[in-house]
PDB file of N, CA and C in Angstrom:
ATOM      1  N   MET A   1       0.849  -1.163   0.000  1.00  0.00           N
ATOM      2  CA  MET A   1       0.000   0.000   0.000  1.00  0.00           C
ATOM      3  C   MET A   1       0.901   1.235   0.000  1.00  0.00           C
ATOM      4  N   ASP A   2       0.514   2.267  -0.748  1.00  0.00           N
ATOM      5  CA  ASP A   2       1.224   3.544  -0.745  1.00  0.00           C
ATOM      6  C   ASP A   2       0.561   4.458   0.281  1.00  0.00           C
ATOM      7  N   LEU A   3       1.360   4.983   1.200  1.00  0.00           N
ATOM      8  CA  LEU A   3       0.845   5.843   2.264  1.00  0.00           C
ATOM      9  C   LEU A   3       1.493   7.219   2.186  1.00  0.00           C
ATOM     10  N   LEU A   4       0.707   8.244   2.478  1.00  0.00           N
ATOM     11  CA  LEU A   4       1.203   9.612   2.554  1.00  0.00           C
ATOM     12  C   LEU A   4       0.904  10.134   3.947  1.00  0.00           C
ATOM     13  N   HIS A   5       1.954  10.572   4.638  1.00  0.00           N
ATOM     14  CA  HIS A   5       1.790  11.211   5.943  1.00  0.00           C
ATOM     15  C   HIS A   5       2.125  12.689   5.775  1.00  0.00           C
ATOM     16  N   VAL A   6       1.226  13.564   6.224  1.00  0.00           N
ATOM     17  CA  VAL A   6       1.425  15.005   6.137  1.00  0.00           C
ATOM     18  C   VAL A   6       1.545  15.534   7.566  1.00  0.00           C
ATOM     19  N   THR A   7       2.653  16.223   7.840  1.00  0.00           N
ATOM     20  CA  THR A   7       2.901  16.717   9.185  1.00  0.00           C
ATOM     21  C   THR A   7       3.685  18.023   9.128  1.00  0.00           C
ATOM     22  N   HIS A   8       3.601  18.808  10.173  1.00  0.00           N
ATOM     23  CA  HIS A   8       4.271  20.113  10.179  1.00  0.00           C
ATOM     24  C   HIS A   8       5.788  19.991  10.211  1.00  0.00           C
ATOM     25  N   GLN A   9       6.323  18.989  10.905  1.00  0.00           N
ATOM     26  CA  GLN A   9       7.763  18.754  10.954  1.00  0.00           C
ATOM     27  C   GLN A   9       8.018  17.257  11.071  1.00  0.00           C
ATOM     28  N   TYR A  10       9.207  16.864  10.647  1.00  0.00           N
ATOM     29  CA  TYR A  10       9.606  15.455  10.672  1.00  0.00           C
ATOM     30  C   TYR A  10      11.068  15.406  11.087  1.00  0.00           C
ATOM     31  N   ARG A  11      11.523  14.246  11.472  1.00  0.00           N
ATOM     32  CA  ARG A  11      12.911  14.067  11.872  1.00  0.00           C
ATOM     33  C   ARG A  11      13.844  14.776  10.901  1.00  0.00           C
ATOM     34  N   PRO A  12      14.818  15.523  11.335  1.00  0.00           N
ATOM     35  CA  PRO A  12      15.448  15.589  12.650  1.00  0.00           C
ATOM     36  C   PRO A  12      14.824  16.589  13.622  1.00  0.00           C
ATOM     37  N   ALA A  13      13.702  17.212  13.268  1.00  0.00           N
ATOM     38  CA  ALA A  13      13.021  18.080  14.231  1.00  0.00           C
ATOM     39  C   ALA A  13      12.616  17.246  15.446  1.00  0.00           C
ATOM     40  N   VAL A  14      12.670  17.847  16.605  1.00  0.00           N
ATOM     41  CA  VAL A  14      12.412  17.131  17.853  1.00  0.00           C
ATOM     42  C   VAL A  14      11.052  17.532  18.404  1.00  0.00           C
ATOM     43  N   GLY A  15      10.262  16.550  18.783  1.00  0.00           N
ATOM     44  CA  GLY A  15       8.961  16.799  19.394  1.00  0.00           C
ATOM     45  C   GLY A  15       8.125  15.533  19.389  1.00  0.00           C
ATOM     46  N   GLY A  16       7.032  15.565  20.088  1.00  0.00           N
ATOM     47  CA  GLY A  16       6.175  14.389  20.215  1.00  0.00           C
ATOM     48  C   GLY A  16       5.533  13.961  18.912  1.00  0.00           C
ATOM     49  N   ALA A  17       4.948  14.911  18.184  1.00  0.00           N
ATOM     50  CA  ALA A  17       4.314  14.580  16.905  1.00  0.00           C
ATOM     51  C   ALA A  17       5.355  14.097  15.903  1.00  0.00           C
ATOM     52  N   GLU A  18       6.515  14.755  15.918  1.00  0.00           N
ATOM     53  CA  GLU A  18       7.587  14.375  14.999  1.00  0.00           C
ATOM     54  C   GLU A  18       8.045  12.945  15.265  1.00  0.00           C
ATOM     55  N   GLN A  19       8.205  12.602  16.525  1.00  0.00           N
ATOM     56  CA  GLN A  19       8.640  11.248  16.889  1.00  0.00           C
ATOM     57  C   GLN A  19       7.564  10.222  16.537  1.00  0.00           C
ATOM     58  N   HIS A  20       6.311  10.557  16.779  1.00  0.00           N
ATOM     59  CA  HIS A  20       5.211   9.633  16.486  1.00  0.00           C
ATOM     60  C   HIS A  20       5.131   9.322  14.990  1.00  0.00           C
ATOM     61  N   ILE A  21       5.180  10.364  14.162  1.00  0.00           N
ATOM     62  CA  ILE A  21       5.106  10.155  12.708  1.00  0.00           C
ATOM     63  C   ILE A  21       6.322   9.383  12.216  1.00  0.00           C
ATOM     64  N   THR A  22       7.501   9.670  12.778  1.00  0.00           N
ATOM     65  CA  THR A  22       8.710   8.930  12.406  1.00  0.00           C
ATOM     66  C   THR A  22       8.546   7.453  12.725  1.00  0.00           C
ATOM     67  N   ASN A  23       8.122   7.151  13.937  1.00  0.00           N
ATOM     68  CA  ASN A  23       7.936   5.748  14.346  1.00  0.00           C
ATOM     69  C   ASN A  23       6.893   5.047  13.478  1.00  0.00           C
ATOM     70  N   LEU A  24       5.781   5.714  13.238  1.00  0.00           N
ATOM     71  CA  LEU A  24       4.706   5.144  12.427  1.00  0.00           C
ATOM     72  C   LEU A  24       5.173   4.895  10.995  1.00  0.00           C
ATOM     73  N   SER A  25       5.837   5.882  10.411  1.00  0.00           N
ATOM     74  CA  SER A  25       6.308   5.757   9.025  1.00  0.00           C
ATOM     75  C   SER A  25       7.311   4.620   8.880  1.00  0.00           C
ATOM     76  N   GLU A  26       8.283   4.565   9.772  1.00  0.00           N
ATOM     77  CA  GLU A  26       9.314   3.531   9.685  1.00  0.00           C
ATOM     78  C   GLU A  26       8.751   2.137   9.939  1.00  0.00           C
ATOM     79  N   GLU A  27       7.765   2.034  10.812  1.00  0.00           N
ATOM     80  CA  GLU A  27       7.134   0.732  11.054  1.00  0.00           C
ATOM     81  C   GLU A  27       6.349   0.268   9.826  1.00  0.00           C
ATOM     82  N   MET A  28       5.664   1.193   9.168  1.00  0.00           N
ATOM     83  CA  MET A  28       4.910   0.822   7.973  1.00  0.00           C
ATOM     84  C   MET A  28       5.857   0.384   6.852  1.00  0.00           C
ATOM     85  N   VAL A  29       7.018   1.032   6.722  1.00  0.00           N
ATOM     86  CA  VAL A  29       8.025   0.600   5.743  1.00  0.00           C
ATOM     87  C   VAL A  29       8.511  -0.799   6.102  1.00  0.00           C
ATOM     88  N   ARG A  30       8.774  -1.020   7.396  1.00  0.00           N
ATOM     89  CA  ARG A  30       9.234  -2.341   7.848  1.00  0.00           C
ATOM     90  C   ARG A  30       8.220  -3.433   7.490  1.00  0.00           C
ATOM     91  N   ARG A  31       6.947  -3.088   7.479  1.00  0.00           N
ATOM     92  CA  ARG A  31       5.882  -4.043   7.143  1.00  0.00           C
ATOM     93  C   ARG A  31       5.659  -4.171   5.641  1.00  0.00           C
ATOM     94  N   GLY A  32       6.456  -3.454   4.846  1.00  0.00           N
ATOM     95  CA  GLY A  32       6.397  -3.621   3.404  1.00  0.00           C
ATOM     96  C   GLY A  32       5.627  -2.569   2.637  1.00  0.00           C
ATOM     97  N   HIS A  33       5.192  -1.514   3.291  1.00  0.00           N
ATOM     98  CA  HIS A  33       4.444  -0.454   2.619  1.00  0.00           C
ATOM     99  C   HIS A  33       5.388   0.634   2.114  1.00  0.00           C
ATOM    100  N   ALA A  34       4.962   1.368   1.101  1.00  0.00           N
ATOM    101  CA  ALA A  34       5.711   2.519   0.602  1.00  0.00           C
ATOM    102  C   ALA A  34       5.170   3.755   1.311  1.00  0.00           C
ATOM    103  N   VAL A  35       6.052   4.509   1.983  1.00  0.00           N
ATOM    104  CA  VAL A  35       5.624   5.667   2.774  1.00  0.00           C
ATOM    105  C   VAL A  35       6.321   6.924   2.285  1.00  0.00           C
ATOM    106  N   THR A  36       5.519   7.955   2.048  1.00  0.00           N
ATOM    107  CA  THR A  36       6.021   9.271   1.711  1.00  0.00           C
ATOM    108  C   THR A  36       5.534  10.240   2.785  1.00  0.00           C
ATOM    109  N   VAL A  37       6.423  11.105   3.246  1.00  0.00           N
ATOM    110  CA  VAL A  37       6.066  12.136   4.226  1.00  0.00           C
ATOM    111  C   VAL A  37       6.183  13.487   3.546  1.00  0.00           C
ATOM    112  N   LEU A  38       5.155  14.313   3.678  1.00  0.00           N
ATOM    113  CA  LEU A  38       5.164  15.690   3.196  1.00  0.00           C
ATOM    114  C   LEU A  38       5.222  16.589   4.421  1.00  0.00           C
ATOM    115  N   THR A  39       6.266  17.414   4.503  1.00  0.00           N
ATOM    116  CA  THR A  39       6.501  18.203   5.703  1.00  0.00           C
ATOM    117  C   THR A  39       7.250  19.481   5.362  1.00  0.00           C
ATOM    118  N   SER A  40       7.494  20.307   6.343  1.00  0.00           N
ATOM    119  CA  SER A  40       8.234  21.550   6.111  1.00  0.00           C
ATOM    120  C   SER A  40       9.736  21.301   6.140  1.00  0.00           C
ATOM    121  N   ARG A  41      10.488  22.259   5.653  1.00  0.00           N
ATOM    122  CA  ARG A  41      11.951  22.165   5.656  1.00  0.00           C
ATOM    123  C   ARG A  41      12.531  22.677   6.969  1.00  0.00           C
ATOM    124  N   SER A  42      11.700  22.919   7.946  1.00  0.00           N
ATOM    125  CA  SER A  42      12.132  23.496   9.213  1.00  0.00           C
ATOM    126  C   SER A  42      12.328  22.432  10.288  1.00  0.00           C
ATOM    127  N   ARG A  43      13.304  22.668  11.156  1.00  0.00           N
ATOM    128  CA  ARG A  43      13.459  21.837  12.352  1.00  0.00           C
ATOM    129  C   ARG A  43      13.155  22.654  13.598  1.00  0.00           C
ATOM    130  N   ASP A  44      12.788  23.929  13.404  1.00  0.00           N
ATOM    131  CA  ASP A  44      12.561  24.859  14.511  1.00  0.00           C
ATOM    132  C   ASP A  44      11.206  25.529  14.335  1.00  0.00           C
ATOM    133  N   TYR A  45      10.258  25.250  15.222  1.00  0.00           N
ATOM    134  CA  TYR A  45       8.912  25.802  15.063  1.00  0.00           C
ATOM    135  C   TYR A  45       8.800  27.266  15.501  1.00  0.00           C
ATOM    136  N   VAL A  46       9.857  27.831  16.041  1.00  0.00           N
ATOM    137  CA  VAL A  46       9.815  29.242  16.423  1.00  0.00           C
ATOM    138  C   VAL A  46      10.113  30.127  15.215  1.00  0.00           C
ATOM    139  N   SER A  47      11.167  29.809  14.489  1.00  0.00           N
ATOM    140  CA  SER A  47      11.553  30.644  13.347  1.00  0.00           C
ATOM    141  C   SER A  47      11.035  30.110  12.017  1.00  0.00           C
ATOM    142  N   TRP A  48      10.749  28.822  11.941  1.00  0.00           N
ATOM    143  CA  TRP A  48      10.350  28.130  10.710  1.00  0.00           C
ATOM    144  C   TRP A  48      11.380  28.347   9.599  1.00  0.00           C
ATOM    145  N   ARG A  49      12.665  28.434   9.975  1.00  0.00           N
ATOM    146  CA  ARG A  49      13.731  28.550   8.969  1.00  0.00           C
ATOM    147  C   ARG A  49      13.747  27.309   8.080  1.00  0.00           C
ATOM    148  N   ASN A  50      14.026  27.520   6.813  1.00  0.00           N
ATOM    149  CA  ASN A  50      14.084  26.433   5.834  1.00  0.00           C
ATOM    150  C   ASN A  50      15.514  25.912   5.741  1.00  0.00           C
ATOM    151  N   ASP A  51      15.945  25.150   6.737  1.00  0.00           N
ATOM    152  CA  ASP A  51      17.333  24.720   6.763  1.00  0.00           C
ATOM    153  C   ASP A  51      17.543  23.237   6.459  1.00  0.00           C
ATOM    154  N   LEU A  52      16.503  22.532   6.061  1.00  0.00           N
ATOM    155  CA  LEU A  52      16.640  21.121   5.700  1.00  0.00           C
ATOM    156  C   LEU A  52      16.498  20.947   4.190  1.00  0.00           C
ATOM    157  N   GLU A  53      17.023  19.849   3.699  1.00  0.00           N
ATOM    158  CA  GLU A  53      16.975  19.554   2.261  1.00  0.00           C
ATOM    159  C   GLU A  53      15.536  19.331   1.796  1.00  0.00           C
ATOM    160  N   PRO A  54      15.217  19.660   0.542  1.00  0.00           N
ATOM    161  CA  PRO A  54      13.851  19.476   0.040  1.00  0.00           C
ATOM    162  C   PRO A  54      13.441  18.012  -0.128  1.00  0.00           C
ATOM    163  N   PHE A  55      14.414  17.110  -0.302  1.00  0.00           N
ATOM    164  CA  PHE A  55      14.070  15.691  -0.426  1.00  0.00           C
ATOM    165  C   PHE A  55      15.141  14.842   0.253  1.00  0.00           C
ATOM    166  N   GLU A  56      14.681  13.821   0.968  1.00  0.00           N
ATOM    167  CA  GLU A  56      15.573  12.839   1.584  1.00  0.00           C
ATOM    168  C   GLU A  56      14.896  11.482   1.590  1.00  0.00           C
ATOM    169  N   GLN A  57      15.696  10.457   1.623  1.00  0.00           N
ATOM    170  CA  GLN A  57      15.217   9.098   1.849  1.00  0.00           C
ATOM    171  C   GLN A  57      15.807   8.692   3.202  1.00  0.00           C
ATOM    172  N   MET A  58      14.956   8.466   4.194  1.00  0.00           N
ATOM    173  CA  MET A  58      15.426   8.171   5.548  1.00  0.00           C
ATOM    174  C   MET A  58      14.826   6.856   6.015  1.00  0.00           C
ATOM    175  N   ASP A  59      15.669   5.854   6.187  1.00  0.00           N
ATOM    176  CA  ASP A  59      15.222   4.529   6.656  1.00  0.00           C
ATOM    177  C   ASP A  59      14.049   4.008   5.842  1.00  0.00           C
ATOM    178  N   GLY A  60      14.120   4.195   4.543  1.00  0.00           N
ATOM    179  CA  GLY A  60      13.095   3.696   3.644  1.00  0.00           C
ATOM    180  C   GLY A  60      11.915   4.627   3.436  1.00  0.00           C
ATOM    181  N   VAL A  61      11.852   5.729   4.168  1.00  0.00           N
ATOM    182  CA  VAL A  61      10.752   6.694   4.059  1.00  0.00           C
ATOM    183  C   VAL A  61      11.182   7.821   3.125  1.00  0.00           C
ATOM    184  N   ARG A  62      10.356   8.104   2.115  1.00  0.00           N
ATOM    185  CA  ARG A  62      10.616   9.234   1.229  1.00  0.00           C
ATOM    186  C   ARG A  62      10.090  10.502   1.912  1.00  0.00           C
ATOM    187  N   VAL A  63      10.949  11.473   2.099  1.00  0.00           N
ATOM    188  CA  VAL A  63      10.564  12.707   2.791  1.00  0.00           C
ATOM    189  C   VAL A  63      10.676  13.876   1.823  1.00  0.00           C
ATOM    190  N   HIS A  64       9.531  14.478   1.497  1.00  0.00           N
ATOM    191  CA  HIS A  64       9.474  15.666   0.639  1.00  0.00           C
ATOM    192  C   HIS A  64       9.185  16.860   1.540  1.00  0.00           C
ATOM    193  N   ARG A  65      10.047  17.853   1.457  1.00  0.00           N
ATOM    194  CA  ARG A  65       9.891  19.023   2.326  1.00  0.00           C
ATOM    195  C   ARG A  65       9.596  20.272   1.490  1.00  0.00           C
ATOM    196  N   PHE A  66       8.632  21.062   1.963  1.00  0.00           N
ATOM    197  CA  PHE A  66       8.266  22.311   1.296  1.00  0.00           C
ATOM    198  C   PHE A  66       8.809  23.501   2.086  1.00  0.00           C
ATOM    199  N   ARG A  67       9.020  24.603   1.381  1.00  0.00           N
ATOM    200  CA  ARG A  67       9.463  25.842   2.035  1.00  0.00           C
ATOM    201  C   ARG A  67       8.305  26.428   2.836  1.00  0.00           C
ATOM    202  N   SER A  68       8.631  27.081   3.926  1.00  0.00           N
ATOM    203  CA  SER A  68       7.607  27.756   4.710  1.00  0.00           C
ATOM    204  C   SER A  68       8.029  29.199   4.959  1.00  0.00           C
ATOM    205  N   LEU A  69       7.072  30.037   5.295  1.00  0.00           N
ATOM    206  CA  LEU A  69       7.368  31.429   5.608  1.00  0.00           C
ATOM    207  C   LEU A  69       8.056  31.493   6.965  1.00  0.00           C
ATOM    208  N   GLY A  70       9.152  32.226   7.023  1.00  0.00           N
ATOM    209  CA  GLY A  70       9.864  32.379   8.291  1.00  0.00           C
ATOM    210  C   GLY A  70       9.071  33.229   9.270  1.00  0.00           C
ATOM    211  N   ARG A  71       9.369  33.076  10.551  1.00  0.00           N
ATOM    212  CA  ARG A  71       8.700  33.849  11.598  1.00  0.00           C
ATOM    213  C   ARG A  71       9.751  34.617  12.394  1.00  0.00           C
ATOM    214  N   GLY A  72       9.445  35.867  12.689  1.00  0.00           N
ATOM    215  CA  GLY A  72      10.314  36.701  13.518  1.00  0.00           C
ATOM    216  C   GLY A  72       9.526  37.258  14.697  1.00  0.00           C
ATOM    217  N   LYS A  73      10.119  38.192  15.391  1.00  0.00           N
ATOM    218  CA  LYS A  73       9.472  38.781  16.574  1.00  0.00           C
ATOM    219  C   LYS A  73       8.149  39.447  16.227  1.00  0.00           C
ATOM    220  N   ARG A  74       8.110  40.124  15.090  1.00  0.00           N
ATOM    221  CA  ARG A  74       6.865  40.802  14.697  1.00  0.00           C
ATOM    222  C   ARG A  74       5.731  39.807  14.478  1.00  0.00           C
ATOM    223  N   THR A  75       6.049  38.712  13.831  1.00  0.00           N
ATOM    224  CA  THR A  75       5.019  37.699  13.567  1.00  0.00           C
ATOM    225  C   THR A  75       4.468  37.133  14.866  1.00  0.00           C
ATOM    226  N   TRP A  76       5.355  36.826  15.812  1.00  0.00           N
ATOM    227  CA  TRP A  76       4.899  36.261  17.090  1.00  0.00           C
ATOM    228  C   TRP A  76       4.098  37.286  17.882  1.00  0.00           C
ATOM    229  N   ARG A  77       4.468  38.551  17.812  1.00  0.00           N
ATOM    230  CA  ARG A  77       3.713  39.599  18.500  1.00  0.00           C
ATOM    231  C   ARG A  77       2.323  39.751  17.865  1.00  0.00           C
ATOM    232  N   LEU A  78       2.265  39.728  16.546  1.00  0.00           N
ATOM    233  CA  LEU A  78       0.989  39.821  15.841  1.00  0.00           C
ATOM    234  C   LEU A  78       0.096  38.621  16.187  1.00  0.00           C
ATOM    235  N   LEU A  79       0.685  37.441  16.259  1.00  0.00           N
ATOM    236  CA  LEU A  79      -0.086  36.249  16.634  1.00  0.00           C
ATOM    237  C   LEU A  79      -0.648  36.388  18.047  1.00  0.00           C
ATOM    238  N   ALA A  80       0.161  36.872  18.986  1.00  0.00           N
ATOM    239  CA  ALA A  80      -0.309  37.052  20.366  1.00  0.00           C
ATOM    240  C   ALA A  80      -1.458  38.053  20.429  1.00  0.00           C
ATOM    241  N   LEU A  81      -1.319  39.158  19.688  1.00  0.00           N
ATOM    242  CA  LEU A  81      -2.401  40.155  19.664  1.00  0.00           C
ATOM    243  C   LEU A  81      -3.675  39.584  19.045  1.00  0.00           C
ATOM    244  N   ALA A  82      -3.520  38.822  17.979  1.00  0.00           N
ATOM    245  CA  ALA A  82      -4.687  38.220  17.325  1.00  0.00           C
ATOM    246  C   ALA A  82      -5.395  37.258  18.273  1.00  0.00           C
ATOM    247  N   TYR A  83      -4.627  36.403  18.972  1.00  0.00           N
ATOM    248  CA  TYR A  83      -5.241  35.484  19.946  1.00  0.00           C
ATOM    249  C   TYR A  83      -5.970  36.247  21.045  1.00  0.00           C
ATOM    250  N   GLU A  84      -5.309  37.253  21.559  1.00  0.00           N
ATOM    251  CA  GLU A  84      -5.895  38.047  22.648  1.00  0.00           C
ATOM    252  C   GLU A  84      -7.192  38.708  22.209  1.00  0.00           C
ATOM    253  N   ASN A  85      -7.164  39.356  21.053  1.00  0.00           N
ATOM    254  CA  ASN A  85      -8.361  40.050  20.571  1.00  0.00           C
ATOM    255  C   ASN A  85      -9.456  39.081  20.139  1.00  0.00           C
ATOM    256  N   TYR A  86      -9.079  37.961  19.549  1.00  0.00           N
ATOM    257  CA  TYR A  86     -10.089  36.983  19.144  1.00  0.00           C
ATOM    258  C   TYR A  86     -10.778  36.395  20.381  1.00  0.00           C
ATOM    259  N   ALA A  87      -9.996  36.077  21.403  1.00  0.00           N
ATOM    260  CA  ALA A  87     -10.579  35.515  22.629  1.00  0.00           C
ATOM    261  C   ALA A  87     -11.559  36.500  23.276  1.00  0.00           C
ATOM    262  N   ARG A  88     -11.240  37.773  23.190  1.00  0.00           N
ATOM    263  CA  ARG A  88     -12.072  38.802  23.810  1.00  0.00           C
ATOM    264  C   ARG A  88     -13.316  39.113  22.985  1.00  0.00           C
ATOM    265  N   THR A  89     -13.173  39.169  21.648  1.00  0.00           N
ATOM    266  CA  THR A  89     -14.272  39.646  20.802  1.00  0.00           C
ATOM    267  C   THR A  89     -14.941  38.570  19.948  1.00  0.00           C
ATOM    268  N   ARG A  90     -14.221  37.473  19.687  1.00  0.00           N
ATOM    269  CA  ARG A  90     -14.667  36.407  18.772  1.00  0.00           C
ATOM    270  C   ARG A  90     -14.901  36.934  17.361  1.00  0.00           C
ATOM    271  N   SER A  91     -14.252  38.030  17.024  1.00  0.00           N
ATOM    272  CA  SER A  91     -14.376  38.622  15.696  1.00  0.00           C
ATOM    273  C   SER A  91     -13.547  37.810  14.700  1.00  0.00           C
ATOM    274  N   ARG A  92     -14.158  37.481  13.578  1.00  0.00           N
ATOM    275  CA  ARG A  92     -13.485  36.668  12.561  1.00  0.00           C
ATOM    276  C   ARG A  92     -12.348  37.414  11.871  1.00  0.00           C
ATOM    277  N   ARG A  93     -12.268  38.709  12.014  1.00  0.00           N
ATOM    278  CA  ARG A  93     -11.204  39.452  11.345  1.00  0.00           C
ATOM    279  C   ARG A  93      -9.819  39.105  11.876  1.00  0.00           C
ATOM    280  N   TYR A  94      -9.727  38.467  13.041  1.00  0.00           N
ATOM    281  CA  TYR A  94      -8.431  38.067  13.605  1.00  0.00           C
ATOM    282  C   TYR A  94      -7.995  36.675  13.145  1.00  0.00           C
ATOM    283  N   GLU A  95      -8.904  35.919  12.575  1.00  0.00           N
ATOM    284  CA  GLU A  95      -8.595  34.546  12.162  1.00  0.00           C
ATOM    285  C   GLU A  95      -7.457  34.428  11.148  1.00  0.00           C
ATOM    286  N   PRO A  96      -7.371  35.293  10.118  1.00  0.00           N
ATOM    287  CA  PRO A  96      -6.229  35.159   9.182  1.00  0.00           C
ATOM    288  C   PRO A  96      -4.881  35.320   9.866  1.00  0.00           C
ATOM    289  N   PHE A  97      -4.789  36.215  10.855  1.00  0.00           N
ATOM    290  CA  PHE A  97      -3.521  36.397  11.566  1.00  0.00           C
ATOM    291  C   PHE A  97      -3.156  35.161  12.372  1.00  0.00           C
ATOM    292  N   ILE A  98      -4.160  34.524  12.943  1.00  0.00           N
ATOM    293  CA  ILE A  98      -3.921  33.297  13.696  1.00  0.00           C
ATOM    294  C   ILE A  98      -3.501  32.187  12.747  1.00  0.00           C
ATOM    295  N   PHE A  99      -4.171  32.085  11.607  1.00  0.00           N
ATOM    296  CA  PHE A  99      -3.835  31.047  10.622  1.00  0.00           C
ATOM    297  C   PHE A  99      -2.401  31.198  10.127  1.00  0.00           C
ATOM    298  N   PHE A 100      -2.023  32.403   9.687  1.00  0.00           N
ATOM    299  CA  PHE A 100      -0.688  32.620   9.120  1.00  0.00           C
ATOM    300  C   PHE A 100       0.410  32.594  10.175  1.00  0.00           C
ATOM    301  N   GLY A 101       0.068  32.882  11.409  1.00  0.00           N
ATOM    302  CA  GLY A 101       1.084  32.904  12.450  1.00  0.00           C
ATOM    303  C   GLY A 101       1.373  31.566  13.086  1.00  0.00           C
ATOM    304  N   ASN A 102       0.491  30.609  12.914  1.00  0.00           N
ATOM    305  CA  ASN A 102       0.595  29.356  13.660  1.00  0.00           C
ATOM    306  C   ASN A 102       1.608  28.357  13.110  1.00  0.00           C
ATOM    307  N   GLY A 103       1.330  27.719  12.023  1.00  0.00           N
ATOM    308  CA  GLY A 103       2.183  26.632  11.555  1.00  0.00           C
ATOM    309  C   GLY A 103       2.947  26.996  10.303  1.00  0.00           C
ATOM    310  N   PRO A 104       3.515  26.024   9.668  1.00  0.00           N
ATOM    311  CA  PRO A 104       4.229  26.342   8.438  1.00  0.00           C
ATOM    312  C   PRO A 104       3.265  26.723   7.336  1.00  0.00           C
ATOM    313  N   VAL A 105       3.507  27.831   6.701  1.00  0.00           N
ATOM    314  CA  VAL A 105       2.647  28.298   5.607  1.00  0.00           C
ATOM    315  C   VAL A 105       3.497  28.377   4.356  1.00  0.00           C
TER     316      VAL A 105
END
């Protein structure tokens, strides 16, 4: 069976979701399945720097990485303000800031 796993980060990024997807992907390869992971080129969820290669084969898993928008102090401040104002007002106008500030875009 051909499987596609889509996740925000993958090994060598460190974290619970990253470890879970790595373990799951490698186990499925061990069982004879073809596994492709689509993920970001970042190993750091704070800056989302694109410092990993766009393609790798790791323990039988094909890993395709896409570029993401980097995050700086301004982005994190804007995200905090959007969360604060959305929680207070529930206005949908803050949702795009939350969307773009959260994960790899």
